[in-house]
PDB file of N, CA and C in Angstrom:
ATOM      1  N   MET A   1     -23.080  31.317  29.998  1.00  0.00           N
ATOM      2  CA  MET A   1     -23.481  30.558  31.457  1.00  0.00           C
ATOM      3  C   MET A   1     -22.284  30.475  32.222  1.00  0.00           C
ATOM      4  N   THR A   2     -22.398  30.924  33.690  1.00  0.00           N
ATOM      5  CA  THR A   2     -21.368  30.644  34.606  1.00  0.00           C
ATOM      6  C   THR A   2     -21.097  29.564  35.097  1.00  0.00           C
ATOM      7  N   ARG A   3     -19.916  29.027  35.423  1.00  0.00           N
ATOM      8  CA  ARG A   3     -20.042  27.873  36.233  1.00  0.00           C
ATOM      9  C   ARG A   3     -19.983  28.133  37.970  1.00  0.00           C
ATOM     10  N   PRO A   4     -20.642  27.087  38.518  1.00  0.00           N
ATOM     11  CA  PRO A   4     -20.884  27.444  40.137  1.00  0.00           C
ATOM     12  C   PRO A   4     -19.239  27.291  40.452  1.00  0.00           C
ATOM     13  N   ARG A   5     -18.961  27.993  41.787  1.00  0.00           N
ATOM     14  CA  ARG A   5     -17.678  28.125  42.614  1.00  0.00           C
ATOM     15  C   ARG A   5     -17.358  26.708  43.000  1.00  0.00           C
ATOM     16  N   LEU A   6     -16.445  26.313  43.157  1.00  0.00           N
ATOM     17  CA  LEU A   6     -15.780  25.198  43.684  1.00  0.00           C
ATOM     18  C   LEU A   6     -15.763  25.711  45.252  1.00  0.00           C
ATOM     19  N   SER A   7     -16.436  24.741  46.385  1.00  0.00           N
ATOM     20  CA  SER A   7     -15.969  25.326  47.436  1.00  0.00           C
ATOM     21  C   SER A   7     -16.365  23.836  48.270  1.00  0.00           C
ATOM     22  N   THR A   8     -15.780  23.923  49.586  1.00  0.00           N
ATOM     23  CA  THR A   8     -16.001  22.759  50.416  1.00  0.00           C
ATOM     24  C   THR A   8     -17.673  22.756  50.962  1.00  0.00           C
ATOM     25  N   ARG A   9     -18.241  21.667  51.040  1.00  0.00           N
ATOM     26  CA  ARG A   9     -19.397  21.658  51.230  1.00  0.00           C
ATOM     27  C   ARG A   9     -19.381  21.650  52.797  1.00  0.00           C
ATOM     28  N   ARG A  10     -20.664  22.054  53.657  1.00  0.00           N
ATOM     29  CA  ARG A  10     -20.551  21.785  54.791  1.00  0.00           C
ATOM     30  C   ARG A  10     -21.140  20.073  54.867  1.00  0.00           C
ATOM     31  N   HIS A  11     -20.965  19.602  56.193  1.00  0.00           N
ATOM     32  CA  HIS A  11     -21.433  18.295  56.507  1.00  0.00           C
ATOM     33  C   HIS A  11     -22.742  18.252  57.539  1.00  0.00           C
ATOM     34  N   LEU A  12     -23.616  17.693  56.834  1.00  0.00           N
ATOM     35  CA  LEU A  12     -24.970  17.656  57.427  1.00  0.00           C
ATOM     36  C   LEU A  12     -24.888  16.861  58.772  1.00  0.00           C
ATOM     37  N   PRO A  13     -25.877  17.141  59.782  1.00  0.00           N
ATOM     38  CA  PRO A  13     -25.756  16.185  60.924  1.00  0.00           C
ATOM     39  C   PRO A  13     -26.461  14.849  60.922  1.00  0.00           C
ATOM     40  N   THR A  14     -27.400  15.096  59.601  1.00  0.00           N
ATOM     41  CA  THR A  14     -28.547  13.890  59.440  1.00  0.00           C
ATOM     42  C   THR A  14     -27.759  12.955  58.392  1.00  0.00           C
ATOM     43  N   SER A  15     -26.649  13.327  57.939  1.00  0.00           N
ATOM     44  CA  SER A  15     -25.758  12.713  56.751  1.00  0.00           C
ATOM     45  C   SER A  15     -25.653  11.338  57.218  1.00  0.00           C
ATOM     46  N   PRO A  16     -25.833  10.436  56.177  1.00  0.00           N
ATOM     47  CA  PRO A  16     -25.409   9.089  56.622  1.00  0.00           C
ATOM     48  C   PRO A  16     -23.902   8.651  56.296  1.00  0.00           C
ATOM     49  N   PHE A  17     -23.105   9.592  55.735  1.00  0.00           N
ATOM     50  CA  PHE A  17     -22.066   9.447  55.662  1.00  0.00           C
ATOM     51  C   PHE A  17     -21.252   9.994  56.541  1.00  0.00           C
ATOM     52  N   ALA A  18     -19.679   9.384  56.742  1.00  0.00           N
ATOM     53  CA  ALA A  18     -18.889  10.165  57.982  1.00  0.00           C
ATOM     54  C   ALA A  18     -18.407  11.432  57.479  1.00  0.00           C
ATOM     55  N   PRO A  19     -18.200  12.390  58.343  1.00  0.00           N
ATOM     56  CA  PRO A  19     -17.549  13.711  57.779  1.00  0.00           C
ATOM     57  C   PRO A  19     -16.339  13.474  57.342  1.00  0.00           C
ATOM     58  N   PRO A  20     -15.830  14.495  56.655  1.00  0.00           N
ATOM     59  CA  PRO A  20     -14.339  14.442  55.935  1.00  0.00           C
ATOM     60  C   PRO A  20     -13.236  14.833  57.292  1.00  0.00           C
ATOM     61  N   ALA A  21     -12.421  14.149  57.051  1.00  0.00           N
ATOM     62  CA  ALA A  21     -11.179  14.442  57.869  1.00  0.00           C
ATOM     63  C   ALA A  21     -10.874  15.506  58.108  1.00  0.00           C
ATOM     64  N   PRO A  22     -10.264  15.942  59.071  1.00  0.00           N
ATOM     65  CA  PRO A  22      -9.596  17.514  59.092  1.00  0.00           C
ATOM     66  C   PRO A  22      -8.243  17.463  58.282  1.00  0.00           C
ATOM     67  N   ALA A  23      -7.704  18.396  57.841  1.00  0.00           N
ATOM     68  CA  ALA A  23      -6.318  18.353  57.212  1.00  0.00           C
ATOM     69  C   ALA A  23      -5.223  18.362  58.161  1.00  0.00           C
ATOM     70  N   ALA A  24      -4.254  17.723  57.652  1.00  0.00           N
ATOM     71  CA  ALA A  24      -3.089  17.444  58.731  1.00  0.00           C
ATOM     72  C   ALA A  24      -1.987  18.455  58.861  1.00  0.00           C
ATOM     73  N   PRO A  25      -1.841  19.156  59.982  1.00  0.00           N
ATOM     74  CA  PRO A  25      -0.922  20.235  59.681  1.00  0.00           C
ATOM     75  C   PRO A  25       0.396  19.864  59.314  1.00  0.00           C
ATOM     76  N   LEU A  26       1.010  20.865  58.353  1.00  0.00           N
ATOM     77  CA  LEU A  26       2.383  20.555  57.779  1.00  0.00           C
ATOM     78  C   LEU A  26       3.370  20.239  58.731  1.00  0.00           C
ATOM     79  N   GLU A  27       4.208  19.573  58.399  1.00  0.00           N
ATOM     80  CA  GLU A  27       5.386  19.265  59.110  1.00  0.00           C
ATOM     81  C   GLU A  27       6.548  20.036  58.796  1.00  0.00           C
ATOM     82  N   THR A  28       6.825  20.620  60.084  1.00  0.00           N
ATOM     83  CA  THR A  28       8.216  21.796  60.212  1.00  0.00           C
ATOM     84  C   THR A  28       9.478  21.117  59.849  1.00  0.00           C
ATOM     85  N   PHE A  29      10.238  21.869  59.280  1.00  0.00           N
ATOM     86  CA  PHE A  29      11.458  21.289  59.068  1.00  0.00           C
ATOM     87  C   PHE A  29      12.255  22.521  59.632  1.00  0.00           C
ATOM     88  N   GLU A  30      13.716  22.212  59.838  1.00  0.00           N
ATOM     89  CA  GLU A  30      14.567  23.323  60.156  1.00  0.00           C
ATOM     90  C   GLU A  30      16.140  23.103  59.736  1.00  0.00           C
ATOM     91  N   VAL A  31      16.765  23.669  59.531  1.00  0.00           N
ATOM     92  CA  VAL A  31      18.319  23.356  58.997  1.00  0.00           C
ATOM     93  C   VAL A  31      19.069  22.738  60.012  1.00  0.00           C
ATOM     94  N   ASP A  32      19.564  21.469  59.522  1.00  0.00           N
ATOM     95  CA  ASP A  32      20.364  20.362  59.690  1.00  0.00           C
ATOM     96  C   ASP A  32      19.522  19.150  60.353  1.00  0.00           C
ATOM     97  N   ASP A  33      18.223  19.438  59.957  1.00  0.00           N
ATOM     98  CA  ASP A  33      17.330  18.108  60.233  1.00  0.00           C
ATOM     99  C   ASP A  33      17.643  17.210  59.381  1.00  0.00           C
ATOM    100  N   ARG A  34      18.025  15.734  59.609  1.00  0.00           N
ATOM    101  CA  ARG A  34      17.866  14.616  58.556  1.00  0.00           C
ATOM    102  C   ARG A  34      16.801  14.054  58.338  1.00  0.00           C
ATOM    103  N   VAL A  35      16.537  14.031  57.095  1.00  0.00           N
ATOM    104  CA  VAL A  35      15.096  13.429  56.607  1.00  0.00           C
ATOM    105  C   VAL A  35      15.484  12.339  55.720  1.00  0.00           C
ATOM    106  N   THR A  36      14.609  11.508  55.390  1.00  0.00           N
ATOM    107  CA  THR A  36      14.418  10.532  54.255  1.00  0.00           C
ATOM    108  C   THR A  36      13.466  11.002  53.229  1.00  0.00           C
ATOM    109  N   HIS A  37      13.571  10.516  51.845  1.00  0.00           N
ATOM    110  CA  HIS A  37      12.728  10.937  50.996  1.00  0.00           C
ATOM    111  C   HIS A  37      12.449   9.406  50.482  1.00  0.00           C
ATOM    112  N   ASP A  38      11.395   9.272  49.705  1.00  0.00           N
ATOM    113  CA  ASP A  38      11.217   8.116  49.038  1.00  0.00           C
ATOM    114  C   ASP A  38      11.799   7.740  47.828  1.00  0.00           C
ATOM    115  N   ALA A  39      12.182   9.025  47.150  1.00  0.00           N
ATOM    116  CA  ALA A  39      12.799   9.020  45.592  1.00  0.00           C
ATOM    117  C   ALA A  39      14.572   9.329  45.816  1.00  0.00           C
ATOM    118  N   TYR A  40      14.265  10.197  46.892  1.00  0.00           N
ATOM    119  CA  TYR A  40      15.922  10.675  46.882  1.00  0.00           C
ATOM    120  C   TYR A  40      16.767   9.827  48.064  1.00  0.00           C
ATOM    121  N   GLY A  41      16.134   9.409  48.886  1.00  0.00           N
ATOM    122  CA  GLY A  41      17.077   8.936  50.027  1.00  0.00           C
ATOM    123  C   GLY A  41      17.304   9.486  51.042  1.00  0.00           C
ATOM    124  N   LEU A  42      18.568   9.453  51.694  1.00  0.00           N
ATOM    125  CA  LEU A  42      18.721  10.181  52.978  1.00  0.00           C
ATOM    126  C   LEU A  42      19.372  11.352  52.592  1.00  0.00           C
ATOM    127  N   GLY A  43      18.953  12.502  53.416  1.00  0.00           N
ATOM    128  CA  GLY A  43      19.590  13.998  53.197  1.00  0.00           C
ATOM    129  C   GLY A  43      19.358  14.797  54.375  1.00  0.00           C
ATOM    130  N   THR A  44      19.711  15.950  54.252  1.00  0.00           N
ATOM    131  CA  THR A  44      20.119  16.890  55.400  1.00  0.00           C
ATOM    132  C   THR A  44      19.373  18.432  55.042  1.00  0.00           C
ATOM    133  N   VAL A  45      18.490  18.573  55.764  1.00  0.00           N
ATOM    134  CA  VAL A  45      17.942  20.133  55.204  1.00  0.00           C
ATOM    135  C   VAL A  45      18.961  21.182  55.131  1.00  0.00           C
ATOM    136  N   VAL A  46      19.159  21.992  54.153  1.00  0.00           N
ATOM    137  CA  VAL A  46      20.327  22.969  54.666  1.00  0.00           C
ATOM    138  C   VAL A  46      19.567  24.556  54.400  1.00  0.00           C
ATOM    139  N   GLY A  47      18.337  24.220  53.957  1.00  0.00           N
ATOM    140  CA  GLY A  47      17.793  25.687  54.150  1.00  0.00           C
ATOM    141  C   GLY A  47      16.267  25.326  53.931  1.00  0.00           C
ATOM    142  N   VAL A  48      15.486  26.488  54.743  1.00  0.00           N
ATOM    143  CA  VAL A  48      14.249  26.610  54.455  1.00  0.00           C
ATOM    144  C   VAL A  48      13.498  27.917  54.179  1.00  0.00           C
ATOM    145  N   GLU A  49      12.635  28.092  53.200  1.00  0.00           N
ATOM    146  CA  GLU A  49      12.555  29.275  52.392  1.00  0.00           C
ATOM    147  C   GLU A  49      11.111  29.309  52.563  1.00  0.00           C
ATOM    148  N   SER A  50      10.587  30.544  52.763  1.00  0.00           N
ATOM    149  CA  SER A  50       9.074  31.352  52.867  1.00  0.00           C
ATOM    150  C   SER A  50       8.441  30.008  53.916  1.00  0.00           C
ATOM    151  N   ASN A  51       9.169  29.407  54.668  1.00  0.00           N
ATOM    152  CA  ASN A  51       8.334  28.518  55.624  1.00  0.00           C
ATOM    153  C   ASN A  51       7.585  27.617  54.960  1.00  0.00           C
ATOM    154  N   ARG A  52       8.033  26.974  53.608  1.00  0.00           N
ATOM    155  CA  ARG A  52       7.005  26.087  53.022  1.00  0.00           C
ATOM    156  C   ARG A  52       8.214  25.401  52.294  1.00  0.00           C
ATOM    157  N   ASP A  53       9.238  25.997  51.330  1.00  0.00           N
ATOM    158  CA  ASP A  53       9.769  25.257  50.554  1.00  0.00           C
ATOM    159  C   ASP A  53      11.272  24.735  51.295  1.00  0.00           C
ATOM    160  N   VAL A  54      11.645  23.426  50.999  1.00  0.00           N
ATOM    161  CA  VAL A  54      12.608  23.051  51.802  1.00  0.00           C
ATOM    162  C   VAL A  54      13.951  22.681  50.960  1.00  0.00           C
ATOM    163  N   LEU A  55      15.013  23.183  51.272  1.00  0.00           N
ATOM    164  CA  LEU A  55      16.089  22.649  50.285  1.00  0.00           C
ATOM    165  C   LEU A  55      16.946  21.821  51.151  1.00  0.00           C
ATOM    166  N   VAL A  56      16.972  20.637  50.503  1.00  0.00           N
ATOM    167  CA  VAL A  56      17.381  19.404  50.992  1.00  0.00           C
ATOM    168  C   VAL A  56      18.719  19.005  50.154  1.00  0.00           C
ATOM    169  N   ASP A  57      19.701  18.786  50.791  1.00  0.00           N
ATOM    170  CA  ASP A  57      21.278  18.045  50.357  1.00  0.00           C
ATOM    171  C   ASP A  57      21.037  16.461  50.384  1.00  0.00           C
ATOM    172  N   PHE A  58      21.071  15.773  49.125  1.00  0.00           N
ATOM    173  CA  PHE A  58      21.143  14.304  49.537  1.00  0.00           C
ATOM    174  C   PHE A  58      22.293  13.778  48.873  1.00  0.00           C
ATOM    175  N   SER A  59      23.321  14.541  49.031  1.00  0.00           N
ATOM    176  CA  SER A  59      24.877  14.271  49.055  1.00  0.00           C
ATOM    177  C   SER A  59      24.875  13.925  47.204  1.00  0.00           C
ATOM    178  N   THR A  60      24.266  13.303  46.495  1.00  0.00           N
ATOM    179  CA  THR A  60      24.416  13.428  44.993  1.00  0.00           C
ATOM    180  C   THR A  60      23.818  14.769  44.299  1.00  0.00           C
ATOM    181  N   ARG A  61      22.843  15.405  45.052  1.00  0.00           N
ATOM    182  CA  ARG A  61      22.583  16.997  44.647  1.00  0.00           C
ATOM    183  C   ARG A  61      21.424  17.410  45.648  1.00  0.00           C
ATOM    184  N   LYS A  62      21.477  18.441  45.221  1.00  0.00           N
ATOM    185  CA  LYS A  62      20.037  19.551  46.263  1.00  0.00           C
ATOM    186  C   LYS A  62      19.409  19.679  45.529  1.00  0.00           C
ATOM    187  N   VAL A  63      17.991  19.517  46.457  1.00  0.00           N
ATOM    188  CA  VAL A  63      16.574  19.519  45.704  1.00  0.00           C
ATOM    189  C   VAL A  63      15.686  20.462  46.544  1.00  0.00           C
ATOM    190  N   ARG A  64      15.183  21.294  45.790  1.00  0.00           N
ATOM    191  CA  ARG A  64      14.181  21.892  46.467  1.00  0.00           C
ATOM    192  C   ARG A  64      12.699  21.270  46.770  1.00  0.00           C
ATOM    193  N   ILE A  65      12.295  20.905  47.667  1.00  0.00           N
ATOM    194  CA  ILE A  65      10.798  20.373  48.119  1.00  0.00           C
ATOM    195  C   ILE A  65      10.075  21.453  48.528  1.00  0.00           C
ATOM    196  N   ARG A  66       8.831  21.476  47.709  1.00  0.00           N
ATOM    197  CA  ARG A  66       7.735  22.075  48.248  1.00  0.00           C
ATOM    198  C   ARG A  66       6.694  21.310  48.949  1.00  0.00           C
ATOM    199  N   ALA A  67       6.021  22.245  49.927  1.00  0.00           N
ATOM    200  CA  ALA A  67       4.759  21.725  50.912  1.00  0.00           C
ATOM    201  C   ALA A  67       3.891  21.325  49.764  1.00  0.00           C
ATOM    202  N   PRO A  68       2.797  20.046  50.101  1.00  0.00           N
ATOM    203  CA  PRO A  68       3.076  19.395  51.260  1.00  0.00           C
ATOM    204  C   PRO A  68       3.808  18.265  50.959  1.00  0.00           C
ATOM    205  N   TYR A  69       4.581  17.679  52.030  1.00  0.00           N
ATOM    206  CA  TYR A  69       6.179  16.963  51.962  1.00  0.00           C
ATOM    207  C   TYR A  69       5.241  15.568  52.381  1.00  0.00           C
ATOM    208  N   ALA A  70       4.535  15.180  51.067  1.00  0.00           N
ATOM    209  CA  ALA A  70       4.255  13.650  51.170  1.00  0.00           C
ATOM    210  C   ALA A  70       5.131  12.689  51.241  1.00  0.00           C
ATOM    211  N   ARG A  71       6.323  12.790  50.558  1.00  0.00           N
ATOM    212  CA  ARG A  71       7.015  11.724  50.580  1.00  0.00           C
ATOM    213  C   ARG A  71       8.472  11.760  51.251  1.00  0.00           C
ATOM    214  N   MET A  72       8.395  12.986  52.192  1.00  0.00           N
ATOM    215  CA  MET A  72       9.586  13.261  52.993  1.00  0.00           C
ATOM    216  C   MET A  72       9.141  13.255  54.401  1.00  0.00           C
ATOM    217  N   TYR A  73      10.465  12.611  55.297  1.00  0.00           N
ATOM    218  CA  TYR A  73       9.878  12.053  56.559  1.00  0.00           C
ATOM    219  C   TYR A  73      11.360  12.451  57.392  1.00  0.00           C
ATOM    220  N   LYS A  74      10.893  13.285  58.708  1.00  0.00           N
ATOM    221  CA  LYS A  74      11.858  13.651  59.484  1.00  0.00           C
ATOM    222  C   LYS A  74      12.312  12.403  60.393  1.00  0.00           C
ATOM    223  N   LEU A  75      13.572  12.347  60.388  1.00  0.00           N
ATOM    224  CA  LEU A  75      14.166  11.069  61.049  1.00  0.00           C
ATOM    225  C   LEU A  75      14.739  11.379  62.285  1.00  0.00           C
TER     226      LEU A  75
END
């Protein structure tokens, strides 16, 4: 027996439920951007890899943060 493929369902106009919210675009970071992270604190972007991974220097360590950047904000 095969499992059904997981896919997004389309919203029917007659549905009593609200349509799903569109996905927010990813924030872009550049080298030398100042950022804050909920777990690591203040830091500076020192590298951007493949337009998704960001290498950030938080003075105590360097951390590679992958998209989506849920807990990191540009200052």
